[in-house]
Amino acid sequence: MDFLILRLTDEPNIKVLLFITFLLMYVLTLMGNMAIILIIQIDKNLKTPMYFFLENLSFLDICYTSTTMPKMLEILIGDHRALSFLSCAFQLFFFVAFVGTECVLLGIMSYDRFLAICHPLRYSTFMTKKVSIALAGISWFCGFINSLVHTIFTFRLDFCRSNRISYYFCDIPPLLILSCDDTSVNEILLLTIGVFIGWTPFLFIIVSYIYIIVTILKIKSSHGRQKSFSTCISHLTVVVLYYGSAIFNYVRPVSTYSMNKDKLISVLYSIVTPMLNPVIYTLKNQDVKKAITRKIIPHRF
């Protein structure tokens, strides 16, 4: 069976405008995140756990926007709107995997900042290269296990109501609406696993930043406080944008879903946030700006 992905709009002029806008956003997302990965790879001063995690974050943003955006652009401007059952399953699996991985990774990044600011003398002992690789691996493992469970339980359902997905990609909420089976198990899984992979890292981030802010306020030097804040504000901005929209989209009952509103929310965390991440980390992070100046902007002779 094929699914039909509905366009965001059928108005010819608006379609062209949306296509150009989303294509530009996708290109900026790819270029911005690739630039972050490149600058971290070539600048030896950025070979720290913090920037290793940022590199993972940029790679994740490239992955999950590429899971949905090309097909969405094709559907928006072309006539072929069908997506096979298997293609839909693969799209959902990888998208949910990348989203879940990012949730856990943002929590790990807050732990890294907590150690660096609250326990600076023991930071290098605790956060070794092996530990940072292991923590990044845990985030990827959690994301993919979470996605595997949701994909299996979603695609065991019988989709007999319709094959029209009122969304711009295959996601769990719009597929549950199409099923005429009992989806209570799926809802329980969304809520329980969502608490583990969504709310738990989010609460951990809040607690970490309470300790971080208290520690920073105790720093007597204004320069020291500003430097500490600059390494945290980028991450905190990304957390607010990402978690606010992602948790809203998944960790709630199916009866509260509204596809029109949810489409706007999903655009925020699946398109806008990945595009803004490189800008946020570049503008707010002094180390990244200095690295760009050293490696990309030509030196004056």
C-alpha atoms as a PDB file:
ATOM      1  CA  MET A   1       0.000   0.000   0.000  1.00  0.00           C
ATOM      2  CA  ASP A   2       1.163   3.518  -0.744  1.00  0.00           C
ATOM      3  CA  PHE A   3       0.608   6.516   1.486  1.00  0.00           C
ATOM      4  CA  LEU A   4      -0.266   9.881  -0.002  1.00  0.00           C
ATOM      5  CA  ILE A   5       1.532  12.808   1.623  1.00  0.00           C
ATOM      6  CA  LEU A   6      -0.623  15.911   1.449  1.00  0.00           C
ATOM      7  CA  ARG A   7       1.015  19.138   0.341  1.00  0.00           C
ATOM      8  CA  LEU A   8       1.317  22.078   2.698  1.00  0.00           C
ATOM      9  CA  THR A   9      -0.742  24.026   0.161  1.00  0.00           C
ATOM     10  CA  ASP A  10      -2.171  23.633  -3.356  1.00  0.00           C
ATOM     11  CA  GLU A  11      -2.097  27.343  -4.203  1.00  0.00           C
ATOM     12  CA  PRO A  12       0.342  27.667  -7.164  1.00  0.00           C
ATOM     13  CA  ASN A  13       1.908  30.966  -6.092  1.00  0.00           C
ATOM     14  CA  ILE A  14       2.199  29.953  -2.439  1.00  0.00           C
ATOM     15  CA  LYS A  15       3.645  26.565  -3.461  1.00  0.00           C
ATOM     16  CA  VAL A  16       6.467  28.228  -5.355  1.00  0.00           C
ATOM     17  CA  LEU A  17       7.123  30.650  -2.494  1.00  0.00           C
ATOM     18  CA  LEU A  18       7.192  27.830   0.081  1.00  0.00           C
ATOM     19  CA  PHE A  19       9.406  25.701  -2.159  1.00  0.00           C
ATOM     20  CA  ILE A  20      11.975  28.490  -2.530  1.00  0.00           C
ATOM     21  CA  THR A  21      11.827  29.290   1.209  1.00  0.00           C
ATOM     22  CA  PHE A  22      12.222  25.692   2.381  1.00  0.00           C
ATOM     23  CA  LEU A  23      14.891  24.940  -0.213  1.00  0.00           C
ATOM     24  CA  LEU A  24      16.882  27.956   0.971  1.00  0.00           C
ATOM     25  CA  MET A  25      16.441  26.869   4.612  1.00  0.00           C
ATOM     26  CA  TYR A  26      17.583  23.336   3.763  1.00  0.00           C
ATOM     27  CA  VAL A  27      20.673  24.593   1.920  1.00  0.00           C
ATOM     28  CA  LEU A  28      21.523  26.929   4.821  1.00  0.00           C
ATOM     29  CA  THR A  29      21.080  24.038   7.263  1.00  0.00           C
ATOM     30  CA  LEU A  30      23.468  21.827   5.292  1.00  0.00           C
ATOM     31  CA  MET A  31      26.045  24.571   4.749  1.00  0.00           C
ATOM     32  CA  GLY A  32      25.920  25.873   8.328  1.00  0.00           C
ATOM     33  CA  ASN A  33      26.210  22.490  10.018  1.00  0.00           C
ATOM     34  CA  MET A  34      28.883  21.276   7.586  1.00  0.00           C
ATOM     35  CA  ALA A  35      30.840  24.448   8.342  1.00  0.00           C
ATOM     36  CA  ILE A  36      30.639  23.747  12.085  1.00  0.00           C
ATOM     37  CA  ILE A  37      31.890  20.163  11.553  1.00  0.00           C
ATOM     38  CA  LEU A  38      34.689  21.392   9.272  1.00  0.00           C
ATOM     39  CA  ILE A  39      35.940  24.100  11.629  1.00  0.00           C
ATOM     40  CA  ILE A  40      35.964  21.667  14.583  1.00  0.00           C
ATOM     41  CA  GLN A  41      37.900  19.135  12.507  1.00  0.00           C
ATOM     42  CA  ILE A  42      40.592  21.549  11.321  1.00  0.00           C
ATOM     43  CA  ASP A  43      41.100  23.677  14.453  1.00  0.00           C
ATOM     44  CA  LYS A  44      43.162  21.975  17.155  1.00  0.00           C
ATOM     45  CA  ASN A  45      41.889  24.387  19.816  1.00  0.00           C
ATOM     46  CA  LEU A  46      38.400  22.897  19.409  1.00  0.00           C
ATOM     47  CA  LYS A  47      39.506  19.305  20.107  1.00  0.00           C
ATOM     48  CA  THR A  48      37.601  19.181  23.385  1.00  0.00           C
ATOM     49  CA  PRO A  49      34.594  17.111  24.549  1.00  0.00           C
ATOM     50  CA  MET A  50      32.307  20.138  24.279  1.00  0.00           C
ATOM     51  CA  TYR A  51      33.024  20.576  20.572  1.00  0.00           C
ATOM     52  CA  PHE A  52      33.013  16.833  19.963  1.00  0.00           C
ATOM     53  CA  PHE A  53      29.402  16.825  21.197  1.00  0.00           C
ATOM     54  CA  LEU A  54      28.658  19.915  19.077  1.00  0.00           C
ATOM     55  CA  GLU A  55      30.052  18.063  16.053  1.00  0.00           C
ATOM     56  CA  ASN A  56      27.641  15.198  16.784  1.00  0.00           C
ATOM     57  CA  LEU A  57      24.788  17.694  17.105  1.00  0.00           C
ATOM     58  CA  SER A  58      25.569  19.265  13.725  1.00  0.00           C
ATOM     59  CA  PHE A  59      25.761  15.843  12.084  1.00  0.00           C
ATOM     60  CA  LEU A  60      22.385  14.941  13.614  1.00  0.00           C
ATOM     61  CA  ASP A  61      20.823  18.136  12.261  1.00  0.00           C
ATOM     62  CA  ILE A  62      22.065  17.293   8.772  1.00  0.00           C
ATOM     63  CA  CYS A  63      20.721  13.740   9.068  1.00  0.00           C
ATOM     64  CA  TYR A  64      17.198  14.381  10.226  1.00  0.00           C
ATOM     65  CA  THR A  65      16.523  17.349   7.978  1.00  0.00           C
ATOM     66  CA  SER A  66      17.745  15.220   5.049  1.00  0.00           C
ATOM     67  CA  THR A  67      15.314  12.481   6.117  1.00  0.00           C
ATOM     68  CA  THR A  68      12.264  14.654   5.448  1.00  0.00           C
ATOM     69  CA  MET A  69      13.136  17.785   3.483  1.00  0.00           C
ATOM     70  CA  PRO A  70      13.998  16.365   0.028  1.00  0.00           C
ATOM     71  CA  LYS A  71      10.740  14.404  -0.168  1.00  0.00           C
ATOM     72  CA  MET A  72       8.742  17.344   1.169  1.00  0.00           C
ATOM     73  CA  LEU A  73      10.214  19.632  -1.513  1.00  0.00           C
ATOM     74  CA  GLU A  74       9.485  17.046  -4.211  1.00  0.00           C
ATOM     75  CA  ILE A  75       5.859  16.700  -3.085  1.00  0.00           C
ATOM     76  CA  LEU A  76       5.420  20.462  -2.770  1.00  0.00           C
ATOM     77  CA  ILE A  77       6.417  21.264  -6.331  1.00  0.00           C
ATOM     78  CA  GLY A  78       5.791  17.983  -8.186  1.00  0.00           C
ATOM     79  CA  ASP A  79       2.874  15.682  -8.900  1.00  0.00           C
ATOM     80  CA  HIS A  80       4.207  12.498  -7.275  1.00  0.00           C
ATOM     81  CA  ARG A  81       2.885  12.435  -3.714  1.00  0.00           C
ATOM     82  CA  ALA A  82       2.924   8.683  -3.081  1.00  0.00           C
ATOM     83  CA  LEU A  83       5.248   7.117  -0.513  1.00  0.00           C
ATOM     84  CA  SER A  84       5.438   3.337  -0.298  1.00  0.00           C
ATOM     85  CA  PHE A  85       4.692   1.521   2.948  1.00  0.00           C
ATOM     86  CA  LEU A  86       8.367   0.537   3.315  1.00  0.00           C
ATOM     87  CA  SER A  87       9.637   4.029   2.471  1.00  0.00           C
ATOM     88  CA  CYS A  88       7.278   5.510   5.049  1.00  0.00           C
ATOM     89  CA  ALA A  89       8.548   3.031   7.666  1.00  0.00           C
ATOM     90  CA  PHE A  90      12.175   3.888   6.904  1.00  0.00           C
ATOM     91  CA  GLN A  91      11.474   7.621   7.005  1.00  0.00           C
ATOM     92  CA  LEU A  92       9.727   7.355  10.362  1.00  0.00           C
ATOM     93  CA  PHE A  93      12.441   5.082  11.800  1.00  0.00           C
ATOM     94  CA  PHE A  94      15.345   7.363  10.935  1.00  0.00           C
ATOM     95  CA  PHE A  95      13.552  10.609  11.781  1.00  0.00           C
ATOM     96  CA  VAL A  96      12.457   9.397  15.238  1.00  0.00           C
ATOM     97  CA  ALA A  97      15.934   7.910  15.798  1.00  0.00           C
ATOM     98  CA  PHE A  98      17.675  11.210  15.062  1.00  0.00           C
ATOM     99  CA  VAL A  99      15.179  13.224  17.125  1.00  0.00           C
ATOM    100  CA  GLY A 100      15.562  10.884  20.117  1.00  0.00           C
ATOM    101  CA  THR A 101      19.355  10.915  19.802  1.00  0.00           C
ATOM    102  CA  GLU A 102      19.373  14.713  19.859  1.00  0.00           C
ATOM    103  CA  CYS A 103      17.222  14.792  23.011  1.00  0.00           C
ATOM    104  CA  VAL A 104      19.719  12.612  24.895  1.00  0.00           C
ATOM    105  CA  LEU A 105      22.739  14.372  23.378  1.00  0.00           C
ATOM    106  CA  LEU A 106      21.516  17.795  24.564  1.00  0.00           C
ATOM    107  CA  GLY A 107      21.269  16.344  28.090  1.00  0.00           C
ATOM    108  CA  ILE A 108      24.834  15.007  27.827  1.00  0.00           C
ATOM    109  CA  MET A 109      26.044  18.397  26.608  1.00  0.00           C
ATOM    110  CA  SER A 110      24.558  20.024  29.700  1.00  0.00           C
ATOM    111  CA  TYR A 111      26.412  17.471  31.873  1.00  0.00           C
ATOM    112  CA  ASP A 112      29.637  18.415  30.085  1.00  0.00           C
ATOM    113  CA  ARG A 113      29.041  22.121  30.844  1.00  0.00           C
ATOM    114  CA  PHE A 114      28.152  21.258  34.459  1.00  0.00           C
ATOM    115  CA  LEU A 115      31.472  19.463  34.956  1.00  0.00           C
ATOM    116  CA  ALA A 116      33.490  22.165  33.161  1.00  0.00           C
ATOM    117  CA  ILE A 117      32.046  25.052  35.189  1.00  0.00           C
ATOM    118  CA  CYS A 118      31.167  23.506  38.555  1.00  0.00           C
ATOM    119  CA  HIS A 119      34.123  21.104  38.799  1.00  0.00           C
ATOM    120  CA  PRO A 120      36.843  22.604  36.547  1.00  0.00           C
ATOM    121  CA  LEU A 121      39.776  20.972  38.366  1.00  0.00           C
ATOM    122  CA  ARG A 122      38.323  17.488  37.912  1.00  0.00           C
ATOM    123  CA  TYR A 123      36.889  18.054  34.445  1.00  0.00           C
ATOM    124  CA  SER A 124      39.813  16.579  32.504  1.00  0.00           C
ATOM    125  CA  THR A 125      39.767  13.521  34.779  1.00  0.00           C
ATOM    126  CA  PHE A 126      36.035  12.879  34.430  1.00  0.00           C
ATOM    127  CA  MET A 127      35.483  13.889  30.812  1.00  0.00           C
ATOM    128  CA  THR A 128      38.205  11.981  28.981  1.00  0.00           C
ATOM    129  CA  LYS A 129      38.131  11.237  25.263  1.00  0.00           C
ATOM    130  CA  LYS A 130      36.916   7.678  25.919  1.00  0.00           C
ATOM    131  CA  VAL A 131      34.146   8.928  28.213  1.00  0.00           C
ATOM    132  CA  SER A 132      32.947  11.542  25.703  1.00  0.00           C
ATOM    133  CA  ILE A 133      32.878   8.940  22.899  1.00  0.00           C
ATOM    134  CA  ALA A 134      30.981   6.538  25.171  1.00  0.00           C
ATOM    135  CA  LEU A 135      28.429   9.218  26.118  1.00  0.00           C
ATOM    136  CA  ALA A 136      27.878  10.159  22.475  1.00  0.00           C
ATOM    137  CA  GLY A 137      27.472   6.464  21.679  1.00  0.00           C
ATOM    138  CA  ILE A 138      24.863   6.112  24.432  1.00  0.00           C
ATOM    139  CA  SER A 139      22.825   8.965  22.933  1.00  0.00           C
ATOM    140  CA  TRP A 140      22.865   7.304  19.497  1.00  0.00           C
ATOM    141  CA  PHE A 141      21.999   3.910  21.010  1.00  0.00           C
ATOM    142  CA  CYS A 142      19.054   5.328  22.994  1.00  0.00           C
ATOM    143  CA  GLY A 143      17.743   7.180  19.952  1.00  0.00           C
ATOM    144  CA  PHE A 144      17.805   4.141  17.677  1.00  0.00           C
ATOM    145  CA  ILE A 145      16.358   1.719  20.256  1.00  0.00           C
ATOM    146  CA  ASN A 146      13.563   4.198  20.965  1.00  0.00           C
ATOM    147  CA  SER A 147      12.849   4.491  17.242  1.00  0.00           C
ATOM    148  CA  LEU A 148      12.941   0.728  16.668  1.00  0.00           C
ATOM    149  CA  VAL A 149      10.261   0.177  19.334  1.00  0.00           C
ATOM    150  CA  HIS A 150       7.995   2.924  17.962  1.00  0.00           C
ATOM    151  CA  THR A 151       8.442   1.824  14.340  1.00  0.00           C
ATOM    152  CA  ILE A 152       7.557  -1.814  15.113  1.00  0.00           C
ATOM    153  CA  PHE A 153       4.479  -0.919  17.153  1.00  0.00           C
ATOM    154  CA  THR A 154       3.329   1.727  14.654  1.00  0.00           C
ATOM    155  CA  PHE A 155       3.573  -0.424  11.540  1.00  0.00           C
ATOM    156  CA  ARG A 156       1.908  -3.457  13.098  1.00  0.00           C
ATOM    157  CA  LEU A 157      -1.325  -1.406  12.992  1.00  0.00           C
ATOM    158  CA  ASP A 158      -3.944  -1.717  10.275  1.00  0.00           C
ATOM    159  CA  PHE A 159      -4.277   1.594   8.412  1.00  0.00           C
ATOM    160  CA  CYS A 160      -7.790   1.152   7.069  1.00  0.00           C
ATOM    161  CA  ARG A 161      -9.296   4.610   7.564  1.00  0.00           C
ATOM    162  CA  SER A 162      -7.331   6.316   4.826  1.00  0.00           C
ATOM    163  CA  ASN A 163      -3.949   6.356   3.132  1.00  0.00           C
ATOM    164  CA  ARG A 164      -3.753  10.166   3.116  1.00  0.00           C
ATOM    165  CA  ILE A 165      -1.280  11.509   5.634  1.00  0.00           C
ATOM    166  CA  SER A 166      -2.218  15.070   6.526  1.00  0.00           C
ATOM    167  CA  TYR A 167       1.388  15.903   7.272  1.00  0.00           C
ATOM    168  CA  TYR A 168       4.522  16.642   5.278  1.00  0.00           C
ATOM    169  CA  PHE A 169       6.307  13.395   6.283  1.00  0.00           C
ATOM    170  CA  CYS A 170       5.629  10.026   7.932  1.00  0.00           C
ATOM    171  CA  ASP A 171       5.498  10.568  11.677  1.00  0.00           C
ATOM    172  CA  ILE A 172       3.899   8.682  14.559  1.00  0.00           C
ATOM    173  CA  PRO A 173       0.938  10.993  15.420  1.00  0.00           C
ATOM    174  CA  PRO A 174      -0.526  11.289  11.875  1.00  0.00           C
ATOM    175  CA  LEU A 175      -0.135   7.516  11.320  1.00  0.00           C
ATOM    176  CA  LEU A 176      -1.943   6.675  14.569  1.00  0.00           C
ATOM    177  CA  ILE A 177      -4.864   8.806  13.414  1.00  0.00           C
ATOM    178  CA  LEU A 178      -5.146   6.706  10.223  1.00  0.00           C
ATOM    179  CA  SER A 179      -5.379   3.416  12.103  1.00  0.00           C
ATOM    180  CA  CYS A 180      -8.683   1.766  12.936  1.00  0.00           C
ATOM    181  CA  ASP A 181      -6.987  -0.501  15.521  1.00  0.00           C
ATOM    182  CA  ASP A 182      -6.687   0.206  19.223  1.00  0.00           C
ATOM    183  CA  THR A 183      -3.721   2.579  19.549  1.00  0.00           C
ATOM    184  CA  SER A 184      -3.685   2.709  23.354  1.00  0.00           C
ATOM    185  CA  VAL A 185      -0.437   0.697  23.503  1.00  0.00           C
ATOM    186  CA  ASN A 186       1.206   3.154  21.107  1.00  0.00           C
ATOM    187  CA  GLU A 187       0.020   6.084  23.191  1.00  0.00           C
ATOM    188  CA  ILE A 188       1.379   4.481  26.372  1.00  0.00           C
ATOM    189  CA  LEU A 189       4.710   3.878  24.632  1.00  0.00           C
ATOM    190  CA  LEU A 190       4.843   7.499  23.442  1.00  0.00           C
ATOM    191  CA  LEU A 191       4.211   8.773  26.952  1.00  0.00           C
ATOM    192  CA  THR A 192       6.434   6.331  28.891  1.00  0.00           C
ATOM    193  CA  ILE A 193       9.401   6.291  26.510  1.00  0.00           C
ATOM    194  CA  GLY A 194       8.877  10.017  25.988  1.00  0.00           C
ATOM    195  CA  VAL A 195       9.367  10.542  29.716  1.00  0.00           C
ATOM    196  CA  PHE A 196      12.633   8.606  29.559  1.00  0.00           C
ATOM    197  CA  ILE A 197      14.098  10.039  26.356  1.00  0.00           C
ATOM    198  CA  GLY A 198      12.438  13.473  26.409  1.00  0.00           C
ATOM    199  CA  TRP A 199      11.490  14.678  29.872  1.00  0.00           C
ATOM    200  CA  THR A 200      14.349  13.034  31.806  1.00  0.00           C
ATOM    201  CA  PRO A 201      17.142  14.737  29.799  1.00  0.00           C
ATOM    202  CA  PHE A 202      15.140  17.976  29.872  1.00  0.00           C
ATOM    203  CA  LEU A 203      14.820  17.920  33.677  1.00  0.00           C
ATOM    204  CA  PHE A 204      18.475  16.939  33.938  1.00  0.00           C
ATOM    205  CA  ILE A 205      19.359  20.001  31.845  1.00  0.00           C
ATOM    206  CA  ILE A 206      17.293  22.269  34.118  1.00  0.00           C
ATOM    207  CA  VAL A 207      18.978  20.916  37.285  1.00  0.00           C
ATOM    208  CA  SER A 208      22.431  21.178  35.672  1.00  0.00           C
ATOM    209  CA  TYR A 209      21.859  24.799  34.701  1.00  0.00           C
ATOM    210  CA  ILE A 210      20.617  25.710  38.163  1.00  0.00           C
ATOM    211  CA  TYR A 211      23.985  24.543  39.545  1.00  0.00           C
ATOM    212  CA  ILE A 212      25.826  26.209  36.648  1.00  0.00           C
ATOM    213  CA  ILE A 213      24.120  29.586  37.158  1.00  0.00           C
ATOM    214  CA  VAL A 214      24.739  29.503  40.914  1.00  0.00           C
ATOM    215  CA  THR A 215      28.419  28.698  40.295  1.00  0.00           C
ATOM    216  CA  ILE A 216      28.818  31.433  37.664  1.00  0.00           C
ATOM    217  CA  LEU A 217      27.261  34.052  39.946  1.00  0.00           C
ATOM    218  CA  LYS A 218      29.927  33.230  42.552  1.00  0.00           C
ATOM    219  CA  ILE A 219      32.725  34.093  40.110  1.00  0.00           C
ATOM    220  CA  LYS A 220      34.171  37.457  41.159  1.00  0.00           C
ATOM    221  CA  SER A 221      35.650  38.429  37.797  1.00  0.00           C
ATOM    222  CA  SER A 222      33.143  39.906  35.340  1.00  0.00           C
ATOM    223  CA  HIS A 223      35.279  38.586  32.467  1.00  0.00           C
ATOM    224  CA  GLY A 224      35.170  35.092  33.992  1.00  0.00           C
ATOM    225  CA  ARG A 225      31.388  35.248  34.371  1.00  0.00           C
ATOM    226  CA  GLN A 226      30.974  36.458  30.784  1.00  0.00           C
ATOM    227  CA  LYS A 227      33.220  33.704  29.415  1.00  0.00           C
ATOM    228  CA  SER A 228      31.355  31.013  31.367  1.00  0.00           C
ATOM    229  CA  PHE A 229      27.985  32.322  30.242  1.00  0.00           C
ATOM    230  CA  SER A 230      29.108  32.467  26.607  1.00  0.00           C
ATOM    231  CA  THR A 231      29.846  28.716  26.574  1.00  0.00           C
ATOM    232  CA  CYS A 232      26.409  27.930  28.020  1.00  0.00           C
ATOM    233  CA  ILE A 233      23.983  30.381  26.432  1.00  0.00           C
ATOM    234  CA  SER A 234      24.246  28.769  22.982  1.00  0.00           C
ATOM    235  CA  HIS A 235      23.369  25.332  24.325  1.00  0.00           C
ATOM    236  CA  LEU A 236      20.561  26.704  26.483  1.00  0.00           C
ATOM    237  CA  THR A 237      19.019  28.558  23.526  1.00  0.00           C
ATOM    238  CA  VAL A 238      19.033  25.375  21.414  1.00  0.00           C
ATOM    239  CA  VAL A 239      17.478  23.397  24.299  1.00  0.00           C
ATOM    240  CA  VAL A 240      14.570  25.819  24.670  1.00  0.00           C
ATOM    241  CA  LEU A 241      13.819  25.833  20.931  1.00  0.00           C
ATOM    242  CA  TYR A 242      14.200  22.097  20.445  1.00  0.00           C
ATOM    243  CA  TYR A 243      12.618  20.610  23.559  1.00  0.00           C
ATOM    244  CA  GLY A 244       9.731  23.040  23.642  1.00  0.00           C
ATOM    245  CA  SER A 245       8.514  21.887  20.240  1.00  0.00           C
ATOM    246  CA  ALA A 246       9.615  18.214  20.229  1.00  0.00           C
ATOM    247  CA  ILE A 247       8.091  17.311  23.601  1.00  0.00           C
ATOM    248  CA  PHE A 248       4.840  19.064  22.673  1.00  0.00           C
ATOM    249  CA  ASN A 249       4.641  17.028  19.479  1.00  0.00           C
ATOM    250  CA  TYR A 250       5.096  13.565  21.025  1.00  0.00           C
ATOM    251  CA  VAL A 251       4.488  13.422  24.778  1.00  0.00           C
ATOM    252  CA  ARG A 252       0.704  13.909  24.858  1.00  0.00           C
ATOM    253  CA  PRO A 253      -2.469  11.893  24.100  1.00  0.00           C
ATOM    254  CA  VAL A 254      -3.537  11.242  20.492  1.00  0.00           C
ATOM    255  CA  SER A 255      -6.933  12.836  21.212  1.00  0.00           C
ATOM    256  CA  THR A 256      -5.227  16.223  21.558  1.00  0.00           C
ATOM    257  CA  TYR A 257      -3.523  16.070  18.149  1.00  0.00           C
ATOM    258  CA  SER A 258      -4.400  18.762  15.637  1.00  0.00           C
ATOM    259  CA  MET A 259      -2.570  18.180  12.364  1.00  0.00           C
ATOM    260  CA  ASN A 260      -2.750  21.812  11.249  1.00  0.00           C
ATOM    261  CA  LYS A 261      -1.187  23.098  14.476  1.00  0.00           C
ATOM    262  CA  ASP A 262       1.199  20.156  14.804  1.00  0.00           C
ATOM    263  CA  LYS A 263       2.575  20.765  11.309  1.00  0.00           C
ATOM    264  CA  LEU A 264       3.644  24.244  12.367  1.00  0.00           C
ATOM    265  CA  ILE A 265       5.260  22.903  15.546  1.00  0.00           C
ATOM    266  CA  SER A 266       7.096  20.158  13.644  1.00  0.00           C
ATOM    267  CA  VAL A 267       8.441  22.746  11.184  1.00  0.00           C
ATOM    268  CA  LEU A 268       9.984  24.540  14.169  1.00  0.00           C
ATOM    269  CA  TYR A 269      12.016  21.615  15.529  1.00  0.00           C
ATOM    270  CA  SER A 270      12.636  19.725  12.267  1.00  0.00           C
ATOM    271  CA  ILE A 271      13.492  22.636   9.930  1.00  0.00           C
ATOM    272  CA  VAL A 272      13.977  25.942  11.752  1.00  0.00           C
ATOM    273  CA  THR A 273      16.025  24.741  14.751  1.00  0.00           C
ATOM    274  CA  PRO A 274      18.624  22.772  12.702  1.00  0.00           C
ATOM    275  CA  MET A 275      19.078  25.853  10.511  1.00  0.00           C
ATOM    276  CA  LEU A 276      19.497  28.163  13.516  1.00  0.00           C
ATOM    277  CA  ASN A 277      21.885  25.923  15.495  1.00  0.00           C
ATOM    278  CA  PRO A 278      25.045  26.902  13.555  1.00  0.00           C
ATOM    279  CA  VAL A 279      24.065  30.580  13.765  1.00  0.00           C
ATOM    280  CA  ILE A 280      23.422  30.342  17.510  1.00  0.00           C
ATOM    281  CA  TYR A 281      26.705  28.559  18.220  1.00  0.00           C
ATOM    282  CA  THR A 282      28.649  30.929  15.981  1.00  0.00           C
ATOM    283  CA  LEU A 283      27.228  34.175  17.315  1.00  0.00           C
ATOM    284  CA  LYS A 284      27.230  33.222  21.003  1.00  0.00           C
ATOM    285  CA  ASN A 285      30.442  31.203  21.220  1.00  0.00           C
ATOM    286  CA  GLN A 286      33.730  33.111  21.336  1.00  0.00           C
ATOM    287  CA  ASP A 287      35.885  30.014  20.689  1.00  0.00           C
ATOM    288  CA  VAL A 288      34.030  29.162  17.474  1.00  0.00           C
ATOM    289  CA  LYS A 289      34.213  32.785  16.255  1.00  0.00           C
ATOM    290  CA  LYS A 290      37.967  32.883  16.918  1.00  0.00           C
ATOM    291  CA  ALA A 291      38.421  29.553  15.123  1.00  0.00           C
ATOM    292  CA  ILE A 292      36.506  30.849  12.099  1.00  0.00           C
ATOM    293  CA  THR A 293      38.668  33.980  12.091  1.00  0.00           C
ATOM    294  CA  ARG A 294      41.844  31.895  12.270  1.00  0.00           C
ATOM    295  CA  LYS A 295      40.953  29.248   9.691  1.00  0.00           C
ATOM    296  CA  ILE A 296      38.423  30.706   7.259  1.00  0.00           C
ATOM    297  CA  ILE A 297      38.856  34.481   7.128  1.00  0.00           C
ATOM    298  CA  PRO A 298      42.147  35.229   5.272  1.00  0.00           C
ATOM    299  CA  HIS A 299      44.917  36.834   7.297  1.00  0.00           C
ATOM    300  CA  ARG A 300      46.059  40.302   6.367  1.00  0.00           C
ATOM    301  CA  PHE A 301      49.653  40.594   5.298  1.00  0.00           C
END
